[in-house]
């Protein structure tokens, strides 16, 4: 009897210790030579438990109205956290969105989000797809209620935040914590810059062309400035999408869309805000032969029509050096086992 009592006491002690355990801090490591992140980690410090919770939420269709669509439905880890099987996002009940899903990586350096910059903080970004009627189509308060009714989530929130309270702020911060870990900085390009590899002759030619024609908007090392530009696309006849002007109401923002990163561009097709181009060759052909004149056309595109077909081939060879397979196939980014 005494042994049973002692065993029970020991179990209670272990449970109390586990309950009182503080979340384990995770250091955010900035790749060498990269700028300081824009994200304020002081308001949402990374922890193992917070990241694990965010990962669980990212892959859980409970966030959608029909419990079928999750964040990962449009942001697949092995395709640079975007979708490749259709031009624009598909949502609940086979509804079709209006824009191509952006690839998710290096979000700590982002200052605005969505193709039109409608969201200016990562912690708020998930609200847009969750509440969009053609994406996840759910009421945010109802999402919280559903999480509160589960057996698993109260304990996961306690581990991440110290108690079982499930709030919208905590849910969004947990999602951010997971997304902040999606850092792609280990491609061949990065290894070349570190002196561990060298470009082939064709890749080197492509890199020189990139610096001459592309680097202003797709600036190293993030391969985006995070700004918005009119890159000469004709207005699509289906969505009549005017881009950032829908947010700002400023006519000079007409047809301005966010400059996407070129990292992992091999995996993140189709391209452009409406997914109109299926291949990198089509994209480059557009810049050389297909620019639509407009008062708001980016001035940087004035010399792009000088690229020959061989130049375009060399440029693609360089762009393929931005592929980071370790990032895309990292098991720590994939569907959680628990």
C-alpha atoms as a PDB file:
ATOM      1  CA  UNK A   1       0.000   0.000   0.000  1.00  0.00           C
ATOM      2  CA  UNK A   2       2.789   2.382   0.966  1.00  0.00           C
ATOM      3  CA  UNK A   3       4.492   1.800  -2.408  1.00  0.00           C
ATOM      4  CA  UNK A   4       1.258   2.580  -4.238  1.00  0.00           C
ATOM      5  CA  UNK A   5       0.886   5.808  -2.296  1.00  0.00           C
ATOM      6  CA  UNK A   6       4.474   6.799  -3.031  1.00  0.00           C
ATOM      7  CA  UNK A   7       3.987   6.002  -6.701  1.00  0.00           C
ATOM      8  CA  UNK A   8       0.852   8.144  -6.815  1.00  0.00           C
ATOM      9  CA  UNK A   9       2.649  11.027  -5.084  1.00  0.00           C
ATOM     10  CA  UNK A  10       5.567  10.748  -7.511  1.00  0.00           C
ATOM     11  CA  UNK A  11       3.153  10.856 -10.444  1.00  0.00           C
ATOM     12  CA  UNK A  12       1.510  13.992  -9.035  1.00  0.00           C
ATOM     13  CA  UNK A  13       4.895  15.639  -8.569  1.00  0.00           C
ATOM     14  CA  UNK A  14       5.879  14.858 -12.162  1.00  0.00           C
ATOM     15  CA  UNK A  15       2.538  16.182 -13.423  1.00  0.00           C
ATOM     16  CA  UNK A  16       2.932  19.386 -11.419  1.00  0.00           C
ATOM     17  CA  UNK A  17       6.463  19.847 -12.751  1.00  0.00           C
ATOM     18  CA  UNK A  18       5.251  19.372 -16.313  1.00  0.00           C
ATOM     19  CA  UNK A  19       2.357  21.780 -15.730  1.00  0.00           C
ATOM     20  CA  UNK A  20       4.648  24.465 -14.331  1.00  0.00           C
ATOM     21  CA  UNK A  21       7.264  24.046 -17.044  1.00  0.00           C
ATOM     22  CA  UNK A  22       7.952  27.257 -18.922  1.00  0.00           C
ATOM     23  CA  UNK A  23       7.969  27.316 -22.734  1.00  0.00           C
ATOM     24  CA  UNK A  24      11.442  26.695 -24.159  1.00  0.00           C
ATOM     25  CA  UNK A  25      12.810  29.753 -25.965  1.00  0.00           C
ATOM     26  CA  UNK A  26      13.990  29.391 -29.567  1.00  0.00           C
ATOM     27  CA  UNK A  27      16.636  31.689 -31.008  1.00  0.00           C
ATOM     28  CA  UNK A  28      15.804  33.311 -34.345  1.00  0.00           C
ATOM     29  CA  UNK A  29      18.995  33.091 -36.377  1.00  0.00           C
ATOM     30  CA  UNK A  30      19.545  35.642 -39.119  1.00  0.00           C
ATOM     31  CA  UNK A  31      21.449  34.185 -42.092  1.00  0.00           C
ATOM     32  CA  UNK A  32      24.887  35.722 -42.548  1.00  0.00           C
ATOM     33  CA  UNK A  33      24.794  38.917 -44.569  1.00  0.00           C
ATOM     34  CA  UNK A  34      21.033  39.344 -44.325  1.00  0.00           C
ATOM     35  CA  UNK A  35      19.359  42.520 -43.030  1.00  0.00           C
ATOM     36  CA  UNK A  36      17.637  42.735 -39.678  1.00  0.00           C
ATOM     37  CA  UNK A  37      14.078  41.353 -39.714  1.00  0.00           C
ATOM     38  CA  UNK A  38      11.086  43.664 -39.693  1.00  0.00           C
ATOM     39  CA  UNK A  39       9.124  41.465 -37.300  1.00  0.00           C
ATOM     40  CA  UNK A  40       9.143  42.511 -33.637  1.00  0.00           C
ATOM     41  CA  UNK A  41       9.975  39.325 -31.736  1.00  0.00           C
ATOM     42  CA  UNK A  42       9.670  41.148 -28.400  1.00  0.00           C
ATOM     43  CA  UNK A  43       5.880  40.987 -28.752  1.00  0.00           C
ATOM     44  CA  UNK A  44       5.872  37.325 -29.760  1.00  0.00           C
ATOM     45  CA  UNK A  45       9.055  35.512 -28.721  1.00  0.00           C
ATOM     46  CA  UNK A  46       9.590  32.144 -30.366  1.00  0.00           C
ATOM     47  CA  UNK A  47       9.241  29.023 -28.244  1.00  0.00           C
ATOM     48  CA  UNK A  48       9.279  25.339 -29.063  1.00  0.00           C
ATOM     49  CA  UNK A  49       5.745  25.011 -27.778  1.00  0.00           C
ATOM     50  CA  UNK A  50       4.448  28.073 -29.646  1.00  0.00           C
ATOM     51  CA  UNK A  51       5.968  26.871 -32.906  1.00  0.00           C
ATOM     52  CA  UNK A  52       4.514  23.388 -32.405  1.00  0.00           C
ATOM     53  CA  UNK A  53       1.063  24.868 -31.760  1.00  0.00           C
ATOM     54  CA  UNK A  54       1.293  27.087 -34.834  1.00  0.00           C
ATOM     55  CA  UNK A  55       2.344  24.141 -36.970  1.00  0.00           C
ATOM     56  CA  UNK A  56      -0.602  22.107 -35.686  1.00  0.00           C
ATOM     57  CA  UNK A  57      -2.998  24.961 -36.495  1.00  0.00           C
ATOM     58  CA  UNK A  58      -1.456  25.523 -39.936  1.00  0.00           C
ATOM     59  CA  UNK A  59      -2.276  21.965 -40.975  1.00  0.00           C
ATOM     60  CA  UNK A  60      -5.647  21.677 -39.233  1.00  0.00           C
ATOM     61  CA  UNK A  61      -8.795  22.115 -41.369  1.00  0.00           C
ATOM     62  CA  UNK A  62     -10.708  23.026 -38.210  1.00  0.00           C
ATOM     63  CA  UNK A  63      -9.939  26.648 -39.119  1.00  0.00           C
ATOM     64  CA  UNK A  64     -12.331  26.458 -42.087  1.00  0.00           C
ATOM     65  CA  UNK A  65     -16.125  26.421 -42.160  1.00  0.00           C
ATOM     66  CA  UNK A  66     -16.361  22.918 -43.623  1.00  0.00           C
ATOM     67  CA  UNK A  67     -13.381  21.495 -41.697  1.00  0.00           C
ATOM     68  CA  UNK A  68     -11.842  20.428 -45.003  1.00  0.00           C
ATOM     69  CA  UNK A  69      -9.595  23.369 -45.986  1.00  0.00           C
ATOM     70  CA  UNK A  70      -6.481  24.184 -43.950  1.00  0.00           C
ATOM     71  CA  UNK A  71      -3.747  26.768 -44.446  1.00  0.00           C
ATOM     72  CA  UNK A  72      -1.651  24.004 -45.976  1.00  0.00           C
ATOM     73  CA  UNK A  73      -4.321  23.318 -48.606  1.00  0.00           C
ATOM     74  CA  UNK A  74      -3.019  26.331 -50.524  1.00  0.00           C
ATOM     75  CA  UNK A  75       0.478  26.422 -49.020  1.00  0.00           C
ATOM     76  CA  UNK A  76       2.146  23.050 -49.603  1.00  0.00           C
ATOM     77  CA  UNK A  77       5.546  22.634 -47.967  1.00  0.00           C
ATOM     78  CA  UNK A  78       7.128  20.773 -50.866  1.00  0.00           C
ATOM     79  CA  UNK A  79       6.146  23.464 -53.383  1.00  0.00           C
ATOM     80  CA  UNK A  80       7.646  26.371 -51.435  1.00  0.00           C
ATOM     81  CA  UNK A  81       4.421  26.749 -49.441  1.00  0.00           C
ATOM     82  CA  UNK A  82       2.141  27.591 -52.334  1.00  0.00           C
ATOM     83  CA  UNK A  83      -0.109  25.543 -54.616  1.00  0.00           C
ATOM     84  CA  UNK A  84       0.739  24.375 -58.133  1.00  0.00           C
ATOM     85  CA  UNK A  85      -2.342  22.518 -59.339  1.00  0.00           C
ATOM     86  CA  UNK A  86      -4.442  25.549 -60.255  1.00  0.00           C
ATOM     87  CA  UNK A  87      -4.003  29.209 -61.118  1.00  0.00           C
ATOM     88  CA  UNK A  88      -5.894  30.720 -58.169  1.00  0.00           C
ATOM     89  CA  UNK A  89      -6.759  29.463 -54.701  1.00  0.00           C
ATOM     90  CA  UNK A  90      -9.565  26.953 -54.210  1.00  0.00           C
ATOM     91  CA  UNK A  91     -11.546  27.093 -50.990  1.00  0.00           C
ATOM     92  CA  UNK A  92     -14.458  25.536 -49.151  1.00  0.00           C
ATOM     93  CA  UNK A  93     -17.241  23.814 -51.073  1.00  0.00           C
ATOM     94  CA  UNK A  94     -15.206  23.961 -54.306  1.00  0.00           C
ATOM     95  CA  UNK A  95     -15.293  27.741 -54.373  1.00  0.00           C
ATOM     96  CA  UNK A  96     -12.644  29.503 -56.421  1.00  0.00           C
ATOM     97  CA  UNK A  97     -10.720  32.540 -55.205  1.00  0.00           C
ATOM     98  CA  UNK A  98      -9.389  35.421 -57.259  1.00  0.00           C
ATOM     99  CA  UNK A  99      -5.630  35.246 -56.741  1.00  0.00           C
ATOM    100  CA  UNK A 100      -2.726  32.860 -56.844  1.00  0.00           C
ATOM    101  CA  UNK A 101      -1.523  31.843 -53.417  1.00  0.00           C
ATOM    102  CA  UNK A 102       1.844  33.486 -52.584  1.00  0.00           C
ATOM    103  CA  UNK A 103       4.793  31.332 -51.553  1.00  0.00           C
ATOM    104  CA  UNK A 104       5.555  31.530 -47.827  1.00  0.00           C
ATOM    105  CA  UNK A 105       9.164  31.978 -46.736  1.00  0.00           C
ATOM    106  CA  UNK A 106      11.386  34.519 -44.989  1.00  0.00           C
ATOM    107  CA  UNK A 107       8.292  36.232 -43.595  1.00  0.00           C
ATOM    108  CA  UNK A 108      10.174  37.864 -40.729  1.00  0.00           C
ATOM    109  CA  UNK A 109      11.441  40.399 -43.257  1.00  0.00           C
ATOM    110  CA  UNK A 110       7.986  41.197 -44.620  1.00  0.00           C
ATOM    111  CA  UNK A 111       6.437  44.591 -43.965  1.00  0.00           C
ATOM    112  CA  UNK A 112       3.139  43.914 -45.719  1.00  0.00           C
ATOM    113  CA  UNK A 113       1.323  40.830 -46.934  1.00  0.00           C
ATOM    114  CA  UNK A 114      -1.051  39.695 -49.681  1.00  0.00           C
ATOM    115  CA  UNK A 115      -0.592  40.618 -53.350  1.00  0.00           C
ATOM    116  CA  UNK A 116      -2.010  44.086 -52.693  1.00  0.00           C
ATOM    117  CA  UNK A 117      -0.462  44.695 -49.255  1.00  0.00           C
ATOM    118  CA  UNK A 118      -3.883  44.768 -47.595  1.00  0.00           C
ATOM    119  CA  UNK A 119      -2.392  43.299 -44.389  1.00  0.00           C
ATOM    120  CA  UNK A 120       0.490  45.130 -42.730  1.00  0.00           C
ATOM    121  CA  UNK A 121       1.406  42.666 -39.952  1.00  0.00           C
ATOM    122  CA  UNK A 122       2.123  38.959 -40.046  1.00  0.00           C
ATOM    123  CA  UNK A 123       0.083  38.350 -36.887  1.00  0.00           C
ATOM    124  CA  UNK A 124      -3.027  39.622 -38.695  1.00  0.00           C
ATOM    125  CA  UNK A 125      -2.473  37.887 -42.040  1.00  0.00           C
ATOM    126  CA  UNK A 126      -4.332  34.658 -41.252  1.00  0.00           C
ATOM    127  CA  UNK A 127      -7.529  36.613 -40.609  1.00  0.00           C
ATOM    128  CA  UNK A 128      -7.859  37.296 -44.344  1.00  0.00           C
ATOM    129  CA  UNK A 129      -8.049  33.710 -45.666  1.00  0.00           C
ATOM    130  CA  UNK A 130      -9.969  32.425 -42.621  1.00  0.00           C
ATOM    131  CA  UNK A 131     -12.764  34.958 -43.116  1.00  0.00           C
ATOM    132  CA  UNK A 132     -12.742  35.091 -46.943  1.00  0.00           C
ATOM    133  CA  UNK A 133     -15.988  33.471 -48.187  1.00  0.00           C
ATOM    134  CA  UNK A 134     -14.221  31.757 -51.100  1.00  0.00           C
ATOM    135  CA  UNK A 135     -11.260  30.498 -49.085  1.00  0.00           C
ATOM    136  CA  UNK A 136     -11.830  29.192 -45.550  1.00  0.00           C
ATOM    137  CA  UNK A 137     -15.161  30.956 -45.122  1.00  0.00           C
ATOM    138  CA  UNK A 138     -15.249  30.894 -41.332  1.00  0.00           C
ATOM    139  CA  UNK A 139     -16.230  33.364 -38.629  1.00  0.00           C
ATOM    140  CA  UNK A 140     -13.165  34.032 -36.499  1.00  0.00           C
ATOM    141  CA  UNK A 141     -15.011  33.841 -33.189  1.00  0.00           C
ATOM    142  CA  UNK A 142     -16.457  30.486 -34.231  1.00  0.00           C
ATOM    143  CA  UNK A 143     -12.944  29.172 -34.910  1.00  0.00           C
ATOM    144  CA  UNK A 144     -12.014  29.991 -31.319  1.00  0.00           C
ATOM    145  CA  UNK A 145     -15.131  28.240 -30.031  1.00  0.00           C
ATOM    146  CA  UNK A 146     -14.313  25.121 -32.027  1.00  0.00           C
ATOM    147  CA  UNK A 147     -10.759  25.053 -30.682  1.00  0.00           C
ATOM    148  CA  UNK A 148     -12.045  25.468 -27.128  1.00  0.00           C
ATOM    149  CA  UNK A 149     -14.302  22.436 -27.522  1.00  0.00           C
ATOM    150  CA  UNK A 150     -11.491  20.101 -28.562  1.00  0.00           C
ATOM    151  CA  UNK A 151      -9.656  17.813 -26.171  1.00  0.00           C
ATOM    152  CA  UNK A 152      -6.207  18.541 -27.550  1.00  0.00           C
ATOM    153  CA  UNK A 153      -5.938  22.301 -28.042  1.00  0.00           C
ATOM    154  CA  UNK A 154      -6.411  23.582 -24.460  1.00  0.00           C
ATOM    155  CA  UNK A 155      -3.332  21.599 -23.433  1.00  0.00           C
ATOM    156  CA  UNK A 156      -1.323  22.820 -26.436  1.00  0.00           C
ATOM    157  CA  UNK A 157      -2.224  26.438 -25.648  1.00  0.00           C
ATOM    158  CA  UNK A 158      -1.238  25.876 -22.012  1.00  0.00           C
ATOM    159  CA  UNK A 159       2.156  24.592 -23.069  1.00  0.00           C
ATOM    160  CA  UNK A 160       2.681  27.547 -25.390  1.00  0.00           C
ATOM    161  CA  UNK A 161       1.240  30.392 -23.276  1.00  0.00           C
ATOM    162  CA  UNK A 162       1.097  29.182 -19.666  1.00  0.00           C
ATOM    163  CA  UNK A 163      -2.624  28.495 -19.317  1.00  0.00           C
ATOM    164  CA  UNK A 164      -5.446  26.893 -21.287  1.00  0.00           C
ATOM    165  CA  UNK A 165      -7.097  30.124 -22.429  1.00  0.00           C
ATOM    166  CA  UNK A 166      -7.650  29.980 -26.185  1.00  0.00           C
ATOM    167  CA  UNK A 167      -7.912  33.462 -27.655  1.00  0.00           C
ATOM    168  CA  UNK A 168      -7.731  34.912 -31.138  1.00  0.00           C
ATOM    169  CA  UNK A 169      -4.532  36.770 -30.330  1.00  0.00           C
ATOM    170  CA  UNK A 170      -2.802  33.626 -29.117  1.00  0.00           C
ATOM    171  CA  UNK A 171      -3.943  31.608 -32.109  1.00  0.00           C
ATOM    172  CA  UNK A 172      -2.638  34.206 -34.553  1.00  0.00           C
ATOM    173  CA  UNK A 173       0.660  34.568 -32.702  1.00  0.00           C
ATOM    174  CA  UNK A 174       1.163  30.806 -32.727  1.00  0.00           C
ATOM    175  CA  UNK A 175       0.569  30.684 -36.474  1.00  0.00           C
ATOM    176  CA  UNK A 176       3.119  33.482 -36.865  1.00  0.00           C
ATOM    177  CA  UNK A 177       5.660  31.610 -34.773  1.00  0.00           C
ATOM    178  CA  UNK A 178       5.504  28.601 -37.074  1.00  0.00           C
ATOM    179  CA  UNK A 179       5.587  30.739 -40.217  1.00  0.00           C
ATOM    180  CA  UNK A 180       8.584  32.682 -38.929  1.00  0.00           C
ATOM    181  CA  UNK A 181      10.588  29.446 -38.920  1.00  0.00           C
ATOM    182  CA  UNK A 182      10.094  29.084 -42.691  1.00  0.00           C
ATOM    183  CA  UNK A 183      13.514  30.437 -43.622  1.00  0.00           C
ATOM    184  CA  UNK A 184      14.977  29.598 -47.013  1.00  0.00           C
ATOM    185  CA  UNK A 185      18.647  30.536 -47.172  1.00  0.00           C
ATOM    186  CA  UNK A 186      20.485  27.377 -48.198  1.00  0.00           C
ATOM    187  CA  UNK A 187      20.249  27.156 -51.976  1.00  0.00           C
ATOM    188  CA  UNK A 188      23.162  26.702 -54.369  1.00  0.00           C
ATOM    189  CA  UNK A 189      23.216  30.489 -54.725  1.00  0.00           C
ATOM    190  CA  UNK A 190      23.772  30.771 -50.973  1.00  0.00           C
ATOM    191  CA  UNK A 191      26.511  28.164 -51.044  1.00  0.00           C
ATOM    192  CA  UNK A 192      28.222  30.031 -53.877  1.00  0.00           C
ATOM    193  CA  UNK A 193      28.045  33.260 -51.899  1.00  0.00           C
ATOM    194  CA  UNK A 194      29.552  31.429 -48.921  1.00  0.00           C
ATOM    195  CA  UNK A 195      32.414  30.158 -51.069  1.00  0.00           C
ATOM    196  CA  UNK A 196      31.383  26.510 -50.784  1.00  0.00           C
ATOM    197  CA  UNK A 197      30.414  26.055 -54.456  1.00  0.00           C
ATOM    198  CA  UNK A 198      30.804  27.837 -57.781  1.00  0.00           C
ATOM    199  CA  UNK A 199      28.350  28.662 -60.530  1.00  0.00           C
ATOM    200  CA  UNK A 200      28.560  26.848 -63.822  1.00  0.00           C
ATOM    201  CA  UNK A 201      29.476  29.029 -66.785  1.00  0.00           C
ATOM    202  CA  UNK A 202      25.828  29.262 -67.801  1.00  0.00           C
ATOM    203  CA  UNK A 203      24.687  30.082 -64.266  1.00  0.00           C
ATOM    204  CA  UNK A 204      27.347  32.786 -64.020  1.00  0.00           C
ATOM    205  CA  UNK A 205      26.105  34.325 -67.270  1.00  0.00           C
ATOM    206  CA  UNK A 206      22.576  34.187 -65.921  1.00  0.00           C
ATOM    207  CA  UNK A 207      23.628  35.838 -62.676  1.00  0.00           C
ATOM    208  CA  UNK A 208      25.233  38.712 -64.590  1.00  0.00           C
ATOM    209  CA  UNK A 209      22.007  39.135 -66.552  1.00  0.00           C
ATOM    210  CA  UNK A 210      20.010  39.006 -63.339  1.00  0.00           C
ATOM    211  CA  UNK A 211      22.097  41.802 -61.815  1.00  0.00           C
ATOM    212  CA  UNK A 212      21.631  43.908 -64.935  1.00  0.00           C
ATOM    213  CA  UNK A 213      17.907  43.359 -65.455  1.00  0.00           C
ATOM    214  CA  UNK A 214      16.188  41.977 -62.341  1.00  0.00           C
ATOM    215  CA  UNK A 215      18.038  42.863 -59.157  1.00  0.00           C
ATOM    216  CA  UNK A 216      16.416  46.265 -58.669  1.00  0.00           C
ATOM    217  CA  UNK A 217      13.021  44.730 -57.853  1.00  0.00           C
ATOM    218  CA  UNK A 218      14.155  41.244 -56.828  1.00  0.00           C
ATOM    219  CA  UNK A 219      16.945  42.467 -54.630  1.00  0.00           C
ATOM    220  CA  UNK A 220      19.423  40.087 -52.986  1.00  0.00           C
ATOM    221  CA  UNK A 221      19.471  38.298 -50.590  1.00  0.00           C
ATOM    222  CA  UNK A 222      15.670  38.137 -50.155  1.00  0.00           C
ATOM    223  CA  UNK A 223      15.129  38.437 -53.924  1.00  0.00           C
ATOM    224  CA  UNK A 224      12.337  40.922 -53.367  1.00  0.00           C
ATOM    225  CA  UNK A 225      12.147  44.477 -52.108  1.00  0.00           C
ATOM    226  CA  UNK A 226       8.717  43.804 -50.625  1.00  0.00           C
ATOM    227  CA  UNK A 227       7.412  46.767 -52.615  1.00  0.00           C
ATOM    228  CA  UNK A 228       4.694  46.960 -55.269  1.00  0.00           C
ATOM    229  CA  UNK A 229       5.056  47.471 -58.991  1.00  0.00           C
ATOM    230  CA  UNK A 230       3.216  47.352 -62.297  1.00  0.00           C
ATOM    231  CA  UNK A 231       5.096  44.708 -64.248  1.00  0.00           C
ATOM    232  CA  UNK A 232       3.281  45.159 -67.523  1.00  0.00           C
ATOM    233  CA  UNK A 233       0.510  42.587 -67.171  1.00  0.00           C
ATOM    234  CA  UNK A 234      -2.692  43.206 -69.067  1.00  0.00           C
ATOM    235  CA  UNK A 235      -5.766  43.375 -66.848  1.00  0.00           C
ATOM    236  CA  UNK A 236      -7.214  39.890 -66.588  1.00  0.00           C
ATOM    237  CA  UNK A 237     -10.647  39.627 -68.166  1.00  0.00           C
ATOM    238  CA  UNK A 238     -12.083  37.386 -65.432  1.00  0.00           C
ATOM    239  CA  UNK A 239     -11.231  39.219 -62.211  1.00  0.00           C
ATOM    240  CA  UNK A 240     -10.519  42.759 -63.439  1.00  0.00           C
ATOM    241  CA  UNK A 241      -7.992  42.965 -60.614  1.00  0.00           C
ATOM    242  CA  UNK A 242      -6.421  46.424 -60.272  1.00  0.00           C
ATOM    243  CA  UNK A 243      -4.086  45.363 -57.466  1.00  0.00           C
ATOM    244  CA  UNK A 244      -2.969  47.775 -54.784  1.00  0.00           C
ATOM    245  CA  UNK A 245      -5.268  50.546 -55.953  1.00  0.00           C
ATOM    246  CA  UNK A 246      -8.161  48.545 -54.464  1.00  0.00           C
ATOM    247  CA  UNK A 247      -6.520  49.072 -51.056  1.00  0.00           C
ATOM    248  CA  UNK A 248      -5.182  52.620 -51.317  1.00  0.00           C
ATOM    249  CA  UNK A 249      -7.647  54.180 -53.749  1.00  0.00           C
ATOM    250  CA  UNK A 250      -4.689  55.966 -55.359  1.00  0.00           C
ATOM    251  CA  UNK A 251      -4.779  55.900 -59.191  1.00  0.00           C
ATOM    252  CA  UNK A 252      -0.985  55.646 -59.459  1.00  0.00           C
ATOM    253  CA  UNK A 253      -1.235  52.301 -57.641  1.00  0.00           C
ATOM    254  CA  UNK A 254      -3.279  50.846 -60.481  1.00  0.00           C
ATOM    255  CA  UNK A 255      -2.036  47.372 -61.504  1.00  0.00           C
ATOM    256  CA  UNK A 256       0.605  47.424 -58.777  1.00  0.00           C
ATOM    257  CA  UNK A 257       1.158  44.036 -57.169  1.00  0.00           C
ATOM    258  CA  UNK A 258       3.664  42.929 -54.582  1.00  0.00           C
ATOM    259  CA  UNK A 259       7.037  41.893 -55.959  1.00  0.00           C
ATOM    260  CA  UNK A 260       7.304  38.182 -55.053  1.00  0.00           C
ATOM    261  CA  UNK A 261      10.501  36.539 -53.909  1.00  0.00           C
ATOM    262  CA  UNK A 262      12.354  34.518 -56.536  1.00  0.00           C
ATOM    263  CA  UNK A 263      13.680  32.061 -53.996  1.00  0.00           C
ATOM    264  CA  UNK A 264      12.409  28.567 -54.821  1.00  0.00           C
ATOM    265  CA  UNK A 265      10.796  29.932 -57.957  1.00  0.00           C
ATOM    266  CA  UNK A 266      11.410  26.542 -59.587  1.00  0.00           C
ATOM    267  CA  UNK A 267       8.761  25.070 -57.288  1.00  0.00           C
ATOM    268  CA  UNK A 268       6.261  27.926 -56.939  1.00  0.00           C
ATOM    269  CA  UNK A 269       4.547  27.954 -60.343  1.00  0.00           C
ATOM    270  CA  UNK A 270       2.139  29.113 -61.693  1.00  0.00           C
ATOM    271  CA  UNK A 271       3.355  32.695 -61.653  1.00  0.00           C
ATOM    272  CA  UNK A 272       1.877  36.184 -61.193  1.00  0.00           C
ATOM    273  CA  UNK A 273      -1.011  37.245 -58.976  1.00  0.00           C
ATOM    274  CA  UNK A 274      -3.501  35.330 -61.119  1.00  0.00           C
ATOM    275  CA  UNK A 275      -1.289  32.367 -61.985  1.00  0.00           C
ATOM    276  CA  UNK A 276      -1.459  33.149 -65.703  1.00  0.00           C
ATOM    277  CA  UNK A 277       2.034  31.850 -66.541  1.00  0.00           C
ATOM    278  CA  UNK A 278       2.875  28.173 -66.173  1.00  0.00           C
ATOM    279  CA  UNK A 279       6.642  28.359 -66.660  1.00  0.00           C
ATOM    280  CA  UNK A 280       9.636  30.624 -66.122  1.00  0.00           C
ATOM    281  CA  UNK A 281      10.100  30.784 -69.893  1.00  0.00           C
ATOM    282  CA  UNK A 282       6.612  32.254 -70.224  1.00  0.00           C
ATOM    283  CA  UNK A 283       7.434  34.815 -67.546  1.00  0.00           C
ATOM    284  CA  UNK A 284      10.611  35.959 -69.285  1.00  0.00           C
ATOM    285  CA  UNK A 285       8.896  36.005 -72.668  1.00  0.00           C
ATOM    286  CA  UNK A 286       6.345  38.367 -71.120  1.00  0.00           C
ATOM    287  CA  UNK A 287       9.037  40.783 -69.959  1.00  0.00           C
ATOM    288  CA  UNK A 288      10.697  40.789 -73.383  1.00  0.00           C
ATOM    289  CA  UNK A 289       7.737  40.583 -75.740  1.00  0.00           C
ATOM    290  CA  UNK A 290       4.496  41.042 -73.822  1.00  0.00           C
ATOM    291  CA  UNK A 291       4.638  44.215 -71.726  1.00  0.00           C
ATOM    292  CA  UNK A 292       1.408  46.177 -71.757  1.00  0.00           C
ATOM    293  CA  UNK A 293       1.990  49.955 -71.967  1.00  0.00           C
ATOM    294  CA  UNK A 294       0.658  51.844 -68.980  1.00  0.00           C
ATOM    295  CA  UNK A 295       1.303  55.169 -67.224  1.00  0.00           C
ATOM    296  CA  UNK A 296       2.137  53.202 -64.068  1.00  0.00           C
ATOM    297  CA  UNK A 297       4.478  50.667 -65.724  1.00  0.00           C
ATOM    298  CA  UNK A 298       7.655  50.161 -63.680  1.00  0.00           C
ATOM    299  CA  UNK A 299      10.510  52.196 -65.139  1.00  0.00           C
ATOM    300  CA  UNK A 300      12.898  49.319 -64.455  1.00  0.00           C
ATOM    301  CA  UNK A 301      11.324  47.339 -67.291  1.00  0.00           C
ATOM    302  CA  UNK A 302      12.442  49.742 -70.000  1.00  0.00           C
ATOM    303  CA  UNK A 303      15.514  47.662 -70.955  1.00  0.00           C
ATOM    304  CA  UNK A 304      14.105  44.149 -70.561  1.00  0.00           C
ATOM    305  CA  UNK A 305      13.341  43.755 -74.267  1.00  0.00           C
ATOM    306  CA  UNK A 306      17.060  43.408 -74.974  1.00  0.00           C
ATOM    307  CA  UNK A 307      17.175  39.856 -73.612  1.00  0.00           C
ATOM    308  CA  UNK A 308      17.788  37.307 -76.351  1.00  0.00           C
ATOM    309  CA  UNK A 309      16.397  33.776 -76.217  1.00  0.00           C
ATOM    310  CA  UNK A 310      19.830  32.523 -75.176  1.00  0.00           C
ATOM    311  CA  UNK A 311      19.917  35.196 -72.469  1.00  0.00           C
ATOM    312  CA  UNK A 312      16.587  33.959 -71.155  1.00  0.00           C
ATOM    313  CA  UNK A 313      17.894  30.405 -71.022  1.00  0.00           C
ATOM    314  CA  UNK A 314      20.969  31.538 -69.093  1.00  0.00           C
ATOM    315  CA  UNK A 315      18.821  33.594 -66.734  1.00  0.00           C
ATOM    316  CA  UNK A 316      16.620  30.584 -65.977  1.00  0.00           C
ATOM    317  CA  UNK A 317      19.741  28.544 -65.252  1.00  0.00           C
ATOM    318  CA  UNK A 318      20.632  31.088 -62.576  1.00  0.00           C
ATOM    319  CA  UNK A 319      17.108  31.203 -61.156  1.00  0.00           C
ATOM    320  CA  UNK A 320      17.263  27.450 -60.615  1.00  0.00           C
ATOM    321  CA  UNK A 321      20.216  28.008 -58.265  1.00  0.00           C
ATOM    322  CA  UNK A 322      17.724  29.674 -55.896  1.00  0.00           C
ATOM    323  CA  UNK A 323      16.051  26.312 -55.244  1.00  0.00           C
ATOM    324  CA  UNK A 324      16.390  25.250 -51.625  1.00  0.00           C
ATOM    325  CA  UNK A 325      15.369  21.611 -51.475  1.00  0.00           C
ATOM    326  CA  UNK A 326      16.324  21.306 -47.822  1.00  0.00           C
ATOM    327  CA  UNK A 327      13.737  23.988 -47.095  1.00  0.00           C
ATOM    328  CA  UNK A 328      10.968  22.468 -49.190  1.00  0.00           C
ATOM    329  CA  UNK A 329      11.459  18.966 -47.876  1.00  0.00           C
ATOM    330  CA  UNK A 330      12.347  19.753 -44.270  1.00  0.00           C
ATOM    331  CA  UNK A 331      10.323  17.343 -42.108  1.00  0.00           C
ATOM    332  CA  UNK A 332      10.092  20.045 -39.431  1.00  0.00           C
ATOM    333  CA  UNK A 333       7.953  22.073 -41.847  1.00  0.00           C
ATOM    334  CA  UNK A 334       5.651  19.272 -42.851  1.00  0.00           C
ATOM    335  CA  UNK A 335       2.481  17.805 -41.416  1.00  0.00           C
ATOM    336  CA  UNK A 336       2.955  17.262 -37.665  1.00  0.00           C
ATOM    337  CA  UNK A 337       3.087  13.642 -36.563  1.00  0.00           C
ATOM    338  CA  UNK A 338       1.135  14.309 -33.374  1.00  0.00           C
END
